[in-house]
Protein backbone atom coordinates (compact mmCIF):
# COMPACT_ATOMS: atom_id res chain seq x y z
CA MET A 1 -15.48 3.51 2.68
CA THR A 2 -18.67 1.97 1.35
CA HIS A 3 -20.30 0.10 4.21
CA ASP A 4 -21.21 -3.54 3.64
CA ASN A 5 -22.62 -4.31 7.08
CA THR A 6 -25.15 -6.92 5.89
CA VAL A 7 -22.60 -9.37 4.50
CA ASN A 8 -22.61 -12.88 6.00
CA LEU A 9 -19.04 -13.39 7.11
CA ARG A 10 -17.23 -16.68 6.93
CA VAL A 11 -13.83 -17.74 8.20
CA GLY A 12 -11.13 -16.36 5.91
CA ASP A 13 -13.00 -13.20 4.92
CA VAL A 14 -10.95 -10.02 4.97
CA VAL A 15 -12.60 -6.65 5.56
CA TYR A 16 -11.75 -3.02 5.96
CA TRP A 17 -13.28 -1.63 9.14
CA GLU A 18 -13.87 1.74 10.75
CA TRP A 19 -15.65 2.92 13.86
CA ALA A 20 -19.41 3.28 13.34
CA GLU A 21 -19.49 6.58 15.20
CA ASP A 22 -17.19 9.51 14.53
CA ARG A 23 -14.68 9.81 17.31
CA THR A 24 -12.64 12.85 18.22
CA ASP A 25 -9.78 10.85 19.72
CA PRO A 26 -6.72 11.35 17.47
CA TYR A 27 -5.48 7.93 18.59
CA GLN A 28 -8.68 6.09 17.75
CA TYR A 29 -6.86 3.88 15.25
CA TRP A 30 -3.59 3.64 17.20
CA CYS A 31 -2.01 0.23 16.54
CA CYS A 32 -4.85 -0.69 14.18
CA SER A 33 -4.46 -1.64 10.54
CA ARG A 34 -8.22 -1.20 9.94
CA ILE A 35 -7.98 -4.51 8.08
CA ALA A 36 -9.53 -7.49 9.83
CA LYS A 37 -9.64 -11.21 9.13
CA ALA A 38 -12.57 -13.40 10.05
CA VAL A 39 -11.49 -16.24 12.33
CA PRO A 40 -13.48 -18.91 14.18
CA ASN A 41 -15.26 -17.38 17.17
CA LEU A 42 -14.04 -19.31 20.18
CA SER A 43 -15.75 -17.10 22.75
CA SER A 44 -19.24 -17.14 24.17
CA HIS A 45 -20.24 -14.10 22.06
CA GLU A 46 -22.87 -14.61 19.39
CA GLY A 47 -21.86 -15.47 15.86
CA ASP A 48 -19.65 -17.99 14.13
CA VAL A 49 -16.74 -15.67 13.41
CA ALA A 50 -14.74 -12.96 15.10
CA LEU A 51 -12.91 -10.19 13.26
CA GLU A 52 -9.29 -9.68 14.29
CA ASP A 53 -7.49 -6.52 13.26
CA THR A 54 -4.28 -7.53 11.48
CA TYR A 55 -1.95 -4.92 13.00
CA TRP A 56 -0.47 -7.34 15.55
CA SER A 57 -1.14 -10.44 13.41
CA SER A 58 -3.29 -11.69 16.27
CA GLY A 59 -6.35 -10.14 17.81
CA SER A 60 -5.11 -11.09 21.27
CA ASP A 61 -2.90 -8.00 21.33
CA GLY A 62 -5.21 -5.73 19.38
CA LYS A 63 -8.80 -5.23 18.35
CA VAL A 64 -11.28 -8.08 18.14
CA PHE A 65 -14.86 -7.60 16.99
CA PHE A 66 -17.83 -9.93 16.83
CA GLU A 67 -20.69 -10.20 14.36
CA LYS A 68 -22.97 -8.36 16.78
CA ASP A 69 -20.58 -5.36 16.59
CA ILE A 70 -21.03 -4.88 12.83
CA GLY A 71 -23.16 -1.85 12.10
CA VAL A 72 -23.24 -0.93 15.79
CA LYS A 73 -19.65 -0.59 16.91
CA ILE A 74 -17.91 -0.86 13.53
CA ASN A 75 -18.74 -0.59 9.85
CA ILE A 76 -17.09 -2.98 7.43
CA GLN A 77 -16.40 -3.37 3.74
CA ARG A 78 -15.67 -6.89 2.54
CA ILE A 79 -12.51 -7.20 0.48
CA ALA A 80 -12.38 -10.93 -0.29
CA ASN A 81 -11.98 -14.34 1.26
CA MET A 82 -8.44 -15.66 1.47
CA ASP A 83 -9.59 -18.72 -0.52
CA GLU A 84 -10.27 -16.36 -3.46
CA LEU A 85 -6.74 -14.91 -3.47
CA GLU A 86 -3.28 -15.93 -4.61
CA PRO A 87 -0.21 -14.43 -2.90
CA CYS A 88 2.07 -12.49 -5.22
CA ASN A 89 4.88 -10.01 -5.41
CA LYS A 90 3.61 -6.42 -5.54
CA GLY A 91 5.28 -6.06 -8.93
CA LYS A 92 2.50 -8.24 -10.37
CA PHE A 93 0.03 -5.39 -9.67
CA THR A 94 1.17 -3.79 -12.94
CA GLU A 95 -0.31 -6.72 -14.88
CA TYR A 96 -3.84 -6.93 -13.46
CA ALA A 97 -6.84 -4.64 -13.11
CA ALA A 98 -6.84 -2.61 -9.89
CA GLU A 99 -9.94 -4.42 -8.58
CA ASP A 100 -8.06 -7.74 -8.87
CA CYS A 101 -5.07 -6.48 -6.85
CA ILE A 102 -5.42 -6.75 -3.08
CA ASP A 103 -2.93 -4.90 -0.89
CA LEU A 104 -3.28 -5.81 2.79
CA SER A 105 -0.12 -4.00 3.85
CA HIS A 106 -0.14 -1.60 6.78
CA PRO A 107 2.49 0.19 8.91
CA ASN A 108 3.23 -2.91 11.00
CA ASN A 109 3.40 -5.31 8.04
CA SER A 110 4.35 -3.96 4.65
CA ASN A 111 6.34 -6.75 3.03
CA TYR A 112 5.38 -10.28 4.04
CA ASN A 113 2.34 -12.10 2.62
CA VAL A 114 0.31 -8.93 2.10
CA PHE A 115 -0.04 -8.72 -1.70
CA PHE A 116 -2.60 -10.82 -3.54
CA ILE A 117 -4.24 -11.28 -6.94
CA ARG A 118 -7.78 -12.64 -7.22
CA LYS A 119 -7.76 -16.23 -8.43
CA GLY A 120 -8.77 -16.48 -12.07
CA ALA A 121 -7.95 -12.83 -12.77
CA LYS A 122 -6.90 -12.16 -16.35
CA LYS A 123 -3.98 -9.93 -17.21
CA ASP A 124 -5.09 -6.40 -18.10
CA THR A 125 -3.21 -5.39 -21.25
CA GLY A 126 -4.50 -1.82 -20.98
CA ARG A 127 -3.04 -1.46 -17.49
CA MET A 128 0.21 -3.09 -18.60
CA LYS A 129 0.55 -0.59 -21.46
CA ARG A 130 -0.28 2.35 -19.14
CA CYS A 131 2.45 1.15 -16.79
CA LEU A 132 4.96 0.91 -19.63
CA LYS A 133 4.00 4.42 -20.78
CA ALA A 134 4.38 5.77 -17.24
CA HIS A 135 7.87 4.25 -17.03
CA ILE A 136 8.81 5.74 -20.39
CA ASP A 137 7.63 9.17 -19.20
CA TYR A 138 9.49 8.79 -15.89
CA TYR A 139 12.79 7.83 -17.50
CA GLN A 140 12.39 10.44 -20.24
CA ASN A 141 11.93 13.12 -17.57
CA ARG A 142 15.01 11.85 -15.74
CA ALA A 143 17.00 11.85 -19.00
CA ASN A 144 15.88 15.43 -19.73
CA TYR A 145 16.90 16.49 -16.21
CA TYR A 146 20.35 14.90 -16.55
CA ASN A 147 20.84 16.43 -20.01
CA ARG A 148 20.11 19.87 -18.52
CA GLU A 149 22.56 19.12 -15.69
CA VAL A 150 25.25 18.17 -18.23
CA GLU A 151 24.70 21.43 -20.13
CA CYS A 152 24.87 23.47 -16.93
CA LEU A 153 28.02 21.72 -15.68
CA GLN A 154 29.68 22.03 -19.09
CA GLU A 155 28.94 25.77 -19.06
CA ARG A 156 30.50 26.06 -15.60
CA LEU A 157 33.57 24.18 -16.78
CA ASP A 158 33.84 26.31 -19.93
CA ASN A 159 33.58 29.51 -17.83
CA PHE A 160 35.69 28.32 -14.92
CA ASP A 161 37.36 31.28 -13.17
CA GLU A 162 40.96 30.26 -12.46
CA GLU A 163 41.78 33.67 -10.98
CA THR A 164 38.97 33.65 -8.39
CA PRO A 165 38.24 30.06 -7.37
CA ASP A 166 35.56 31.20 -4.89
CA ASN A 167 33.41 32.31 -7.83
CA ASN A 168 33.03 28.71 -9.02
CA TYR A 169 30.41 26.22 -7.97
CA VAL A 170 31.59 22.62 -7.94
CA PRO A 171 29.00 19.95 -7.10
CA CYS A 172 29.69 17.02 -4.81
CA ASP A 173 27.46 14.12 -5.79
CA LYS A 174 28.04 10.99 -3.70
CA ASN A 175 27.43 8.89 -6.83
CA VAL A 176 30.26 10.53 -8.80
CA TRP A 177 33.79 9.27 -8.33
CA TRP A 178 36.13 12.12 -9.12
CA GLU A 179 39.55 11.12 -7.74
């Protein structure tokens, strides 16, 4: 992560965060998304905003950091402000440049309101064509695999040993209805 500890945070900013010091505790990020949203600071701590880790959707159950913690307790990298983003379906990521696609999903929230495109982003025709090519390659590889399977199964059928049934391999694919 590239640290951006000098950024002036405002409400609605979203950041990646990590501990400033290396820790040996394997559970150091337990129940943490390492994604935080800047919210109004309602405590007596210094600063206008607090950073709430998004794992529990509310910092009250998880990690909350204050501006004074940045660069001391945690390092941050600003992602964007929510005002700069439009929610989308993850499928839209195939149409825009990677830097315009924001994925805020994490193990405790992977489907709801976590995919965004930067407002004003233009569709990336190069990325769209690369995605189409990748799909062509994927389905061509699957087609080649199934063609090889057909050849192998046809050979087994052609050489089926009626006299010694135990010498025959018969597949059982749950997707094939055979009765």
